[in-house]
Amino acid sequence: TIVASRWENQSYTTLEAMLQGCPVVASASGGTAEIIRDNDTGRLFISEDASSLATVLGEVFSDTVNAADLGHRARQYVLTEHSSQAVGKATLQAYDKAISSFQTP
């Protein structure tokens, strides 16, 4: 899956492709660069740089075993870090932190 957006906050396209175990090549911009760990859960290229995109795509297409491994690790990452349980826990922690900052000692 190629996600060549100039900017994404939290790309559901990226997360959905990762969840399906697809190797993802995406621009290193915004939230996508936080979701994908380059050469671990996907591949990143320099945003708006066609040469960078071509280089990374060439690397992914030339090593299908590594591409499959990227997809597998991406799926595991999404199942762990973006599950409803993980998101719910992180949300509650953020609320607890916000509430505690307003409490008087």
PDB file of N, CA and C in Angstrom:
ATOM      1  N   THR A   1       0.846  -1.166   0.000  1.00  0.00           N
ATOM      2  CA  THR A   1       0.000   0.000   0.000  1.00  0.00           C
ATOM      3  C   THR A   1       0.891   1.228   0.000  1.00  0.00           C
ATOM      4  N   ILE A   2       0.584   2.175  -0.847  1.00  0.00           N
ATOM      5  CA  ILE A   2       1.332   3.428  -0.923  1.00  0.00           C
ATOM      6  C   ILE A   2       0.436   4.543  -0.403  1.00  0.00           C
ATOM      7  N   VAL A   3       0.932   5.285   0.577  1.00  0.00           N
ATOM      8  CA  VAL A   3       0.216   6.435   1.118  1.00  0.00           C
ATOM      9  C   VAL A   3       1.112   7.640   0.869  1.00  0.00           C
ATOM     10  N   ALA A   4       0.825   8.345  -0.212  1.00  0.00           N
ATOM     11  CA  ALA A   4       1.695   9.441  -0.642  1.00  0.00           C
ATOM     12  C   ALA A   4       1.151  10.813  -0.265  1.00  0.00           C
ATOM     13  N   SER A   5       0.365  10.881   0.777  1.00  0.00           N
ATOM     14  CA  SER A   5      -0.208  12.151   1.222  1.00  0.00           C
ATOM     15  C   SER A   5       0.895  13.113   1.633  1.00  0.00           C
ATOM     16  N   ARG A   6       0.645  14.383   1.395  1.00  0.00           N
ATOM     17  CA  ARG A   6       1.600  15.407   1.846  1.00  0.00           C
ATOM     18  C   ARG A   6       1.525  15.571   3.359  1.00  0.00           C
ATOM     19  N   TRP A   7       0.353  15.303   3.925  1.00  0.00           N
ATOM     20  CA  TRP A   7       0.172  15.470   5.368  1.00  0.00           C
ATOM     21  C   TRP A   7      -0.998  14.615   5.831  1.00  0.00           C
ATOM     22  N   GLU A   8      -0.813  13.941   6.926  1.00  0.00           N
ATOM     23  CA  GLU A   8      -1.879  13.180   7.582  1.00  0.00           C
ATOM     24  C   GLU A   8      -1.730  13.387   9.084  1.00  0.00           C
ATOM     25  N   ASN A   9      -2.836  13.432   9.788  1.00  0.00           N
ATOM     26  CA  ASN A   9      -2.753  13.457  11.248  1.00  0.00           C
ATOM     27  C   ASN A   9      -2.597  12.027  11.760  1.00  0.00           C
ATOM     28  N   GLN A  10      -3.653  11.265  11.664  1.00  0.00           N
ATOM     29  CA  GLN A  10      -3.598   9.836  11.975  1.00  0.00           C
ATOM     30  C   GLN A  10      -4.318   9.135  10.844  1.00  0.00           C
ATOM     31  N   SER A  11      -3.548   8.609   9.946  1.00  0.00           N
ATOM     32  CA  SER A  11      -4.082   8.067   8.708  1.00  0.00           C
ATOM     33  C   SER A  11      -4.762   6.723   8.923  1.00  0.00           C
ATOM     34  N   TYR A  12      -6.089   6.707   8.784  1.00  0.00           N
ATOM     35  CA  TYR A  12      -6.803   5.441   8.881  1.00  0.00           C
ATOM     36  C   TYR A  12      -6.472   4.539   7.695  1.00  0.00           C
ATOM     37  N   THR A  13      -6.175   5.135   6.550  1.00  0.00           N
ATOM     38  CA  THR A  13      -5.753   4.335   5.397  1.00  0.00           C
ATOM     39  C   THR A  13      -4.512   3.541   5.746  1.00  0.00           C
ATOM     40  N   THR A  14      -3.555   4.202   6.380  1.00  0.00           N
ATOM     41  CA  THR A  14      -2.309   3.536   6.775  1.00  0.00           C
ATOM     42  C   THR A  14      -2.587   2.455   7.804  1.00  0.00           C
ATOM     43  N   LEU A  15      -3.330   2.782   8.843  1.00  0.00           N
ATOM     44  CA  LEU A  15      -3.621   1.809   9.898  1.00  0.00           C
ATOM     45  C   LEU A  15      -4.413   0.615   9.378  1.00  0.00           C
ATOM     46  N   GLU A  16      -5.381   0.854   8.497  1.00  0.00           N
ATOM     47  CA  GLU A  16      -6.176  -0.249   7.956  1.00  0.00           C
ATOM     48  C   GLU A  16      -5.317  -1.172   7.090  1.00  0.00           C
ATOM     49  N   ALA A  17      -4.422  -0.592   6.286  1.00  0.00           N
ATOM     50  CA  ALA A  17      -3.526  -1.418   5.468  1.00  0.00           C
ATOM     51  C   ALA A  17      -2.593  -2.224   6.362  1.00  0.00           C
ATOM     52  N   MET A  18      -2.072  -1.592   7.408  1.00  0.00           N
ATOM     53  CA  MET A  18      -1.189  -2.289   8.342  1.00  0.00           C
ATOM     54  C   MET A  18      -1.931  -3.432   9.033  1.00  0.00           C
ATOM     55  N   LEU A  19      -3.172  -3.185   9.430  1.00  0.00           N
ATOM     56  CA  LEU A  19      -3.965  -4.209  10.094  1.00  0.00           C
ATOM     57  C   LEU A  19      -4.166  -5.426   9.197  1.00  0.00           C
ATOM     58  N   GLN A  20      -4.252  -5.204   7.898  1.00  0.00           N
ATOM     59  CA  GLN A  20      -4.417  -6.306   6.948  1.00  0.00           C
ATOM     60  C   GLN A  20      -3.092  -7.007   6.642  1.00  0.00           C
ATOM     61  N   GLY A  21      -1.996  -6.515   7.219  1.00  0.00           N
ATOM     62  CA  GLY A  21      -0.696  -7.139   6.998  1.00  0.00           C
ATOM     63  C   GLY A  21      -0.021  -6.712   5.711  1.00  0.00           C
ATOM     64  N   CYS A  22      -0.486  -5.607   5.137  1.00  0.00           N
ATOM     65  CA  CYS A  22       0.126  -5.105   3.907  1.00  0.00           C
ATOM     66  C   CYS A  22       1.402  -4.332   4.233  1.00  0.00           C
ATOM     67  N   PRO A  23       2.444  -4.527   3.450  1.00  0.00           N
ATOM     68  CA  PRO A  23       3.598  -3.647   3.610  1.00  0.00           C
ATOM     69  C   PRO A  23       3.196  -2.243   3.150  1.00  0.00           C
ATOM     70  N   VAL A  24       3.501  -1.236   3.944  1.00  0.00           N
ATOM     71  CA  VAL A  24       3.092   0.133   3.646  1.00  0.00           C
ATOM     72  C   VAL A  24       4.321   0.983   3.360  1.00  0.00           C
ATOM     73  N   VAL A  25       4.227   1.756   2.289  1.00  0.00           N
ATOM     74  CA  VAL A  25       5.209   2.778   1.956  1.00  0.00           C
ATOM     75  C   VAL A  25       4.466   4.097   2.057  1.00  0.00           C
ATOM     76  N   ALA A  26       4.955   4.999   2.920  1.00  0.00           N
ATOM     77  CA  ALA A  26       4.226   6.236   3.170  1.00  0.00           C
ATOM     78  C   ALA A  26       5.186   7.407   3.306  1.00  0.00           C
ATOM     79  N   SER A  27       4.651   8.597   3.067  1.00  0.00           N
ATOM     80  CA  SER A  27       5.470   9.798   3.209  1.00  0.00           C
ATOM     81  C   SER A  27       5.744  10.061   4.681  1.00  0.00           C
ATOM     82  N   ALA A  28       6.945  10.501   4.955  1.00  0.00           N
ATOM     83  CA  ALA A  28       7.384  10.767   6.328  1.00  0.00           C
ATOM     84  C   ALA A  28       6.910  12.164   6.727  1.00  0.00           C
ATOM     85  N   SER A  29       5.611  12.284   6.939  1.00  0.00           N
ATOM     86  CA  SER A  29       5.052  13.572   7.316  1.00  0.00           C
ATOM     87  C   SER A  29       3.948  13.364   8.331  1.00  0.00           C
ATOM     88  N   GLY A  30       3.805  14.323   9.210  1.00  0.00           N
ATOM     89  CA  GLY A  30       2.716  14.304  10.173  1.00  0.00           C
ATOM     90  C   GLY A  30       2.632  13.040  11.002  1.00  0.00           C
ATOM     91  N   GLY A  31       1.413  12.631  11.261  1.00  0.00           N
ATOM     92  CA  GLY A  31       1.177  11.472  12.110  1.00  0.00           C
ATOM     93  C   GLY A  31       1.615  10.158  11.504  1.00  0.00           C
ATOM     94  N   THR A  32       1.686  10.094  10.180  1.00  0.00           N
ATOM     95  CA  THR A  32       2.115   8.852   9.539  1.00  0.00           C
ATOM     96  C   THR A  32       3.531   8.486   9.965  1.00  0.00           C
ATOM     97  N   ALA A  33       4.379   9.487  10.089  1.00  0.00           N
ATOM     98  CA  ALA A  33       5.763   9.237  10.524  1.00  0.00           C
ATOM     99  C   ALA A  33       5.818   8.775  11.979  1.00  0.00           C
ATOM    100  N   GLU A  34       4.758   9.010  12.728  1.00  0.00           N
ATOM    101  CA  GLU A  34       4.686   8.509  14.102  1.00  0.00           C
ATOM    102  C   GLU A  34       4.125   7.092  14.145  1.00  0.00           C
ATOM    103  N   ILE A  35       3.274   6.743  13.187  1.00  0.00           N
ATOM    104  CA  ILE A  35       2.672   5.416  13.145  1.00  0.00           C
ATOM    105  C   ILE A  35       3.669   4.378  12.631  1.00  0.00           C
ATOM    106  N   ILE A  36       4.389   4.732  11.578  1.00  0.00           N
ATOM    107  CA  ILE A  36       5.307   3.786  10.938  1.00  0.00           C
ATOM    108  C   ILE A  36       6.716   3.977  11.469  1.00  0.00           C
ATOM    109  N   ARG A  37       7.297   2.878  11.914  1.00  0.00           N
ATOM    110  CA  ARG A  37       8.725   2.867  12.272  1.00  0.00           C
ATOM    111  C   ARG A  37       9.454   2.357  11.036  1.00  0.00           C
ATOM    112  N   ASP A  38      10.234   3.242  10.413  1.00  0.00           N
ATOM    113  CA  ASP A  38      10.861   2.928   9.129  1.00  0.00           C
ATOM    114  C   ASP A  38      11.692   1.659   9.200  1.00  0.00           C
ATOM    115  N   ASN A  39      11.450   0.800   8.236  1.00  0.00           N
ATOM    116  CA  ASN A  39      12.133  -0.485   8.080  1.00  0.00           C
ATOM    117  C   ASN A  39      11.794  -1.477   9.193  1.00  0.00           C
ATOM    118  N   ASP A  40      10.736  -1.193   9.940  1.00  0.00           N
ATOM    119  CA  ASP A  40      10.267  -2.111  10.974  1.00  0.00           C
ATOM    120  C   ASP A  40       8.793  -2.431  10.742  1.00  0.00           C
ATOM    121  N   THR A  41       7.937  -1.399  10.758  1.00  0.00           N
ATOM    122  CA  THR A  41       6.505  -1.614  10.537  1.00  0.00           C
ATOM    123  C   THR A  41       6.055  -1.032   9.201  1.00  0.00           C
ATOM    124  N   GLY A  42       6.973  -0.600   8.396  1.00  0.00           N
ATOM    125  CA  GLY A  42       6.673  -0.027   7.085  1.00  0.00           C
ATOM    126  C   GLY A  42       7.900   0.707   6.579  1.00  0.00           C
ATOM    127  N   ARG A  43       7.720   1.412   5.495  1.00  0.00           N
ATOM    128  CA  ARG A  43       8.815   2.195   4.924  1.00  0.00           C
ATOM    129  C   ARG A  43       8.333   3.616   4.722  1.00  0.00           C
ATOM    130  N   LEU A  44       9.227   4.555   4.994  1.00  0.00           N
ATOM    131  CA  LEU A  44       8.933   5.970   4.832  1.00  0.00           C
ATOM    132  C   LEU A  44       9.794   6.562   3.724  1.00  0.00           C
ATOM    133  N   PHE A  45       9.217   7.499   2.985  1.00  0.00           N
ATOM    134  CA  PHE A  45       9.985   8.249   1.999  1.00  0.00           C
ATOM    135  C   PHE A  45       9.794   9.731   2.264  1.00  0.00           C
ATOM    136  N   ILE A  46      10.687  10.543   1.739  1.00  0.00           N
ATOM    137  CA  ILE A  46      10.625  11.985   1.955  1.00  0.00           C
ATOM    138  C   ILE A  46       9.403  12.542   1.226  1.00  0.00           C
ATOM    139  N   SER A  47       8.562  13.232   1.968  1.00  0.00           N
ATOM    140  CA  SER A  47       7.332  13.789   1.406  1.00  0.00           C
ATOM    141  C   SER A  47       7.639  14.705   0.225  1.00  0.00           C
ATOM    142  N   GLU A  48       6.851  14.563  -0.826  1.00  0.00           N
ATOM    143  CA  GLU A  48       6.951  15.369  -2.047  1.00  0.00           C
ATOM    144  C   GLU A  48       8.258  15.151  -2.808  1.00  0.00           C
ATOM    145  N   ASP A  49       8.911  14.010  -2.579  1.00  0.00           N
ATOM    146  CA  ASP A  49      10.170  13.696  -3.260  1.00  0.00           C
ATOM    147  C   ASP A  49       9.985  12.405  -4.051  1.00  0.00           C
ATOM    148  N   ALA A  50       9.711  12.547  -5.351  1.00  0.00           N
ATOM    149  CA  ALA A  50       9.427  11.392  -6.201  1.00  0.00           C
ATOM    150  C   ALA A  50      10.607  10.425  -6.252  1.00  0.00           C
ATOM    151  N   SER A  51      11.813  10.939  -6.220  1.00  0.00           N
ATOM    152  CA  SER A  51      13.001  10.084  -6.255  1.00  0.00           C
ATOM    153  C   SER A  51      13.085   9.220  -5.001  1.00  0.00           C
ATOM    154  N   SER A  52      12.784   9.812  -3.853  1.00  0.00           N
ATOM    155  CA  SER A  52      12.783   9.066  -2.595  1.00  0.00           C
ATOM    156  C   SER A  52      11.720   7.973  -2.623  1.00  0.00           C
ATOM    157  N   LEU A  53      10.535   8.310  -3.127  1.00  0.00           N
ATOM    158  CA  LEU A  53       9.461   7.316  -3.245  1.00  0.00           C
ATOM    159  C   LEU A  53       9.898   6.177  -4.160  1.00  0.00           C
ATOM    160  N   ALA A  54      10.484   6.509  -5.301  1.00  0.00           N
ATOM    161  CA  ALA A  54      10.922   5.476  -6.247  1.00  0.00           C
ATOM    162  C   ALA A  54      11.984   4.571  -5.633  1.00  0.00           C
ATOM    163  N   THR A  55      12.899   5.146  -4.897  1.00  0.00           N
ATOM    164  CA  THR A  55      13.963   4.356  -4.259  1.00  0.00           C
ATOM    165  C   THR A  55      13.379   3.376  -3.255  1.00  0.00           C
ATOM    166  N   VAL A  56      12.492   3.862  -2.398  1.00  0.00           N
ATOM    167  CA  VAL A  56      11.901   3.000  -1.371  1.00  0.00           C
ATOM    168  C   VAL A  56      11.033   1.922  -2.004  1.00  0.00           C
ATOM    169  N   LEU A  57      10.245   2.275  -3.009  1.00  0.00           N
ATOM    170  CA  LEU A  57       9.429   1.268  -3.686  1.00  0.00           C
ATOM    171  C   LEU A  57      10.306   0.195  -4.328  1.00  0.00           C
ATOM    172  N   GLY A  58      11.403   0.621  -4.935  1.00  0.00           N
ATOM    173  CA  GLY A  58      12.325  -0.344  -5.529  1.00  0.00           C
ATOM    174  C   GLY A  58      12.870  -1.312  -4.500  1.00  0.00           C
ATOM    175  N   GLU A  59      13.208  -0.796  -3.321  1.00  0.00           N
ATOM    176  CA  GLU A  59      13.715  -1.654  -2.245  1.00  0.00           C
ATOM    177  C   GLU A  59      12.657  -2.642  -1.773  1.00  0.00           C
ATOM    178  N   VAL A  60      11.429  -2.175  -1.638  1.00  0.00           N
ATOM    179  CA  VAL A  60      10.341  -3.048  -1.172  1.00  0.00           C
ATOM    180  C   VAL A  60      10.038  -4.127  -2.215  1.00  0.00           C
ATOM    181  N   PHE A  61       9.934  -3.728  -3.463  1.00  0.00           N
ATOM    182  CA  PHE A  61       9.610  -4.693  -4.522  1.00  0.00           C
ATOM    183  C   PHE A  61      10.732  -5.691  -4.777  1.00  0.00           C
ATOM    184  N   SER A  62      11.963  -5.306  -4.499  1.00  0.00           N
ATOM    185  CA  SER A  62      13.088  -6.212  -4.775  1.00  0.00           C
ATOM    186  C   SER A  62      13.325  -7.223  -3.657  1.00  0.00           C
ATOM    187  N   ASP A  63      12.698  -7.020  -2.510  1.00  0.00           N
ATOM    188  CA  ASP A  63      12.889  -7.940  -1.384  1.00  0.00           C
ATOM    189  C   ASP A  63      11.523  -8.314  -0.822  1.00  0.00           C
ATOM    190  N   THR A  64      10.879  -9.277  -1.470  1.00  0.00           N
ATOM    191  CA  THR A  64       9.515  -9.638  -1.084  1.00  0.00           C
ATOM    192  C   THR A  64       9.442 -10.299   0.284  1.00  0.00           C
ATOM    193  N   VAL A  65      10.518 -10.959   0.697  1.00  0.00           N
ATOM    194  CA  VAL A  65      10.533 -11.565   2.030  1.00  0.00           C
ATOM    195  C   VAL A  65      10.493 -10.469   3.086  1.00  0.00           C
ATOM    196  N   ASN A  66      11.319  -9.437   2.924  1.00  0.00           N
ATOM    197  CA  ASN A  66      11.306  -8.322   3.866  1.00  0.00           C
ATOM    198  C   ASN A  66       9.964  -7.590   3.814  1.00  0.00           C
ATOM    199  N   ALA A  67       9.385  -7.454   2.626  1.00  0.00           N
ATOM    200  CA  ALA A  67       8.083  -6.795   2.504  1.00  0.00           C
ATOM    201  C   ALA A  67       7.027  -7.547   3.304  1.00  0.00           C
ATOM    202  N   ALA A  68       7.048  -8.870   3.213  1.00  0.00           N
ATOM    203  CA  ALA A  68       6.095  -9.679   3.982  1.00  0.00           C
ATOM    204  C   ALA A  68       6.337  -9.515   5.482  1.00  0.00           C
ATOM    205  N   ASP A  69       7.606  -9.447   5.879  1.00  0.00           N
ATOM    206  CA  ASP A  69       7.929  -9.238   7.295  1.00  0.00           C
ATOM    207  C   ASP A  69       7.445  -7.871   7.769  1.00  0.00           C
ATOM    208  N   LEU A  70       7.609  -6.842   6.931  1.00  0.00           N
ATOM    209  CA  LEU A  70       7.101  -5.509   7.274  1.00  0.00           C
ATOM    210  C   LEU A  70       5.596  -5.570   7.528  1.00  0.00           C
ATOM    211  N   GLY A  71       4.877  -6.265   6.641  1.00  0.00           N
ATOM    212  CA  GLY A  71       3.434  -6.393   6.795  1.00  0.00           C
ATOM    213  C   GLY A  71       3.054  -7.118   8.068  1.00  0.00           C
ATOM    214  N   HIS A  72       3.783  -8.173   8.387  1.00  0.00           N
ATOM    215  CA  HIS A  72       3.506  -8.939   9.610  1.00  0.00           C
ATOM    216  C   HIS A  72       3.743  -8.074  10.845  1.00  0.00           C
ATOM    217  N   ARG A  73       4.877  -7.389  10.888  1.00  0.00           N
ATOM    218  CA  ARG A  73       5.178  -6.530  12.051  1.00  0.00           C
ATOM    219  C   ARG A  73       4.196  -5.368  12.146  1.00  0.00           C
ATOM    220  N   ALA A  74       3.775  -4.857  11.000  1.00  0.00           N
ATOM    221  CA  ALA A  74       2.793  -3.769  10.994  1.00  0.00           C
ATOM    222  C   ALA A  74       1.480  -4.231  11.611  1.00  0.00           C
ATOM    223  N   ARG A  75       1.025  -5.416  11.231  1.00  0.00           N
ATOM    224  CA  ARG A  75      -0.219  -5.956  11.787  1.00  0.00           C
ATOM    225  C   ARG A  75      -0.113  -6.118  13.300  1.00  0.00           C
ATOM    226  N   GLN A  76       0.979  -6.667  13.770  1.00  0.00           N
ATOM    227  CA  GLN A  76       1.170  -6.851  15.208  1.00  0.00           C
ATOM    228  C   GLN A  76       1.181  -5.508  15.938  1.00  0.00           C
ATOM    229  N   TYR A  77       1.824  -4.515  15.337  1.00  0.00           N
ATOM    230  CA  TYR A  77       1.867  -3.173  15.926  1.00  0.00           C
ATOM    231  C   TYR A  77       0.463  -2.598  16.081  1.00  0.00           C
ATOM    232  N   VAL A  78      -0.344  -2.687  15.024  1.00  0.00           N
ATOM    233  CA  VAL A  78      -1.705  -2.137  15.087  1.00  0.00           C
ATOM    234  C   VAL A  78      -2.545  -2.894  16.111  1.00  0.00           C
ATOM    235  N   LEU A  79      -2.430  -4.212  16.133  1.00  0.00           N
ATOM    236  CA  LEU A  79      -3.197  -5.007  17.102  1.00  0.00           C
ATOM    237  C   LEU A  79      -2.822  -4.652  18.537  1.00  0.00           C
ATOM    238  N   THR A  80      -1.571  -4.316  18.761  1.00  0.00           N
ATOM    239  CA  THR A  80      -1.102  -3.995  20.107  1.00  0.00           C
ATOM    240  C   THR A  80      -1.352  -2.534  20.484  1.00  0.00           C
ATOM    241  N   GLU A  81      -0.943  -1.626  19.615  1.00  0.00           N
ATOM    242  CA  GLU A  81      -0.940  -0.199  19.955  1.00  0.00           C
ATOM    243  C   GLU A  81      -2.221   0.547  19.590  1.00  0.00           C
ATOM    244  N   HIS A  82      -3.014   0.003  18.696  1.00  0.00           N
ATOM    245  CA  HIS A  82      -4.204   0.714  18.236  1.00  0.00           C
ATOM    246  C   HIS A  82      -5.490  -0.086  18.456  1.00  0.00           C
ATOM    247  N   SER A  83      -5.431  -1.091  19.311  1.00  0.00           N
ATOM    248  CA  SER A  83      -6.640  -1.837  19.648  1.00  0.00           C
ATOM    249  C   SER A  83      -7.561  -0.935  20.465  1.00  0.00           C
ATOM    250  N   SER A  84      -8.820  -1.320  20.554  1.00  0.00           N
ATOM    251  CA  SER A  84      -9.753  -0.510  21.343  1.00  0.00           C
ATOM    252  C   SER A  84      -9.314  -0.458  22.806  1.00  0.00           C
ATOM    253  N   GLN A  85      -8.738  -1.544  23.302  1.00  0.00           N
ATOM    254  CA  GLN A  85      -8.259  -1.556  24.688  1.00  0.00           C
ATOM    255  C   GLN A  85      -7.096  -0.581  24.873  1.00  0.00           C
ATOM    256  N   ALA A  86      -6.139  -0.597  23.951  1.00  0.00           N
ATOM    257  CA  ALA A  86      -4.978   0.289  24.063  1.00  0.00           C
ATOM    258  C   ALA A  86      -5.393   1.755  23.933  1.00  0.00           C
ATOM    259  N   VAL A  87      -6.271   2.041  22.991  1.00  0.00           N
ATOM    260  CA  VAL A  87      -6.725   3.415  22.798  1.00  0.00           C
ATOM    261  C   VAL A  87      -7.545   3.875  23.997  1.00  0.00           C
ATOM    262  N   GLY A  88      -8.414   3.009  24.517  1.00  0.00           N
ATOM    263  CA  GLY A  88      -9.196   3.349  25.702  1.00  0.00           C
ATOM    264  C   GLY A  88      -8.305   3.630  26.904  1.00  0.00           C
ATOM    265  N   LYS A  89      -7.299   2.778  27.110  1.00  0.00           N
ATOM    266  CA  LYS A  89      -6.376   2.968  28.229  1.00  0.00           C
ATOM    267  C   LYS A  89      -5.612   4.282  28.084  1.00  0.00           C
ATOM    268  N   ALA A  90      -5.117   4.576  26.891  1.00  0.00           N
ATOM    269  CA  ALA A  90      -4.373   5.821  26.665  1.00  0.00           C
ATOM    270  C   ALA A  90      -5.272   7.040  26.857  1.00  0.00           C
ATOM    271  N   THR A  91      -6.528   6.930  26.450  1.00  0.00           N
ATOM    272  CA  THR A  91      -7.469   8.033  26.619  1.00  0.00           C
ATOM    273  C   THR A  91      -7.729   8.285  28.100  1.00  0.00           C
ATOM    274  N   LEU A  92      -7.956   7.222  28.859  1.00  0.00           N
ATOM    275  CA  LEU A  92      -8.176   7.388  30.300  1.00  0.00           C
ATOM    276  C   LEU A  92      -6.952   7.982  30.985  1.00  0.00           C
ATOM    277  N   GLN A  93      -5.762   7.555  30.583  1.00  0.00           N
ATOM    278  CA  GLN A  93      -4.534   8.112  31.160  1.00  0.00           C
ATOM    279  C   GLN A  93      -4.413   9.604  30.848  1.00  0.00           C
ATOM    280  N   ALA A  94      -4.773   9.998  29.641  1.00  0.00           N
ATOM    281  CA  ALA A  94      -4.718  11.419  29.272  1.00  0.00           C
ATOM    282  C   ALA A  94      -5.719  12.221  30.096  1.00  0.00           C
ATOM    283  N   TYR A  95      -6.933  11.670  30.279  1.00  0.00           N
ATOM    284  CA  TYR A  95      -7.924  12.358  31.104  1.00  0.00           C
ATOM    285  C   TYR A  95      -7.459  12.454  32.553  1.00  0.00           C
ATOM    286  N   ASP A  96      -6.907  11.370  33.086  1.00  0.00           N
ATOM    287  CA  ASP A  96      -6.413  11.398  34.465  1.00  0.00           C
ATOM    288  C   ASP A  96      -5.325  12.458  34.636  1.00  0.00           C
ATOM    289  N   LYS A  97      -4.442  12.549  33.673  1.00  0.00           N
ATOM    290  CA  LYS A  97      -3.367  13.541  33.741  1.00  0.00           C
ATOM    291  C   LYS A  97      -3.939  14.951  33.683  1.00  0.00           C
ATOM    292  N   ALA A  98      -4.898  15.175  32.794  1.00  0.00           N
ATOM    293  CA  ALA A  98      -5.515  16.495  32.672  1.00  0.00           C
ATOM    294  C   ALA A  98      -6.259  16.872  33.949  1.00  0.00           C
ATOM    295  N   ILE A  99      -7.006  15.930  34.505  1.00  0.00           N
ATOM    296  CA  ILE A  99      -7.767  16.192  35.733  1.00  0.00           C
ATOM    297  C   ILE A  99      -6.837  16.465  36.897  1.00  0.00           C
ATOM    298  N   SER A 100      -5.774  15.675  37.011  1.00  0.00           N
ATOM    299  CA  SER A 100      -4.851  15.855  38.137  1.00  0.00           C
ATOM    300  C   SER A 100      -4.122  17.203  38.065  1.00  0.00           C
ATOM    301  N   SER A 101      -3.970  17.761  36.898  1.00  0.00           N
ATOM    302  CA  SER A 101      -3.292  19.052  36.783  1.00  0.00           C
ATOM    303  C   SER A 101      -4.169  20.197  37.288  1.00  0.00           C
ATOM    304  N   PHE A 102      -5.463  19.954  37.447  1.00  0.00           N
ATOM    305  CA  PHE A 102      -6.378  20.970  37.946  1.00  0.00           C
ATOM    306  C   PHE A 102      -6.738  20.793  39.419  1.00  0.00           C
ATOM    307  N   GLN A 103      -6.296  19.691  40.006  1.00  0.00           N
ATOM    308  CA  GLN A 103      -6.595  19.441  41.402  1.00  0.00           C
ATOM    309  C   GLN A 103      -5.633  20.218  42.288  1.00  0.00           C
ATOM    310  N   THR A 104      -6.161  20.744  43.387  1.00  0.00           N
ATOM    311  CA  THR A 104      -5.308  21.470  44.334  1.00  0.00           C
ATOM    312  C   THR A 104      -4.679  20.477  45.299  1.00  0.00           C
ATOM    313  N   PRO A 105      -3.455  20.773  45.725  1.00  0.00           N
ATOM    314  CA  PRO A 105      -2.759  19.832  46.632  1.00  0.00           C
ATOM    315  C   PRO A 105      -3.388  19.701  47.992  1.00  0.00           C
TER     316      PRO A 105
END
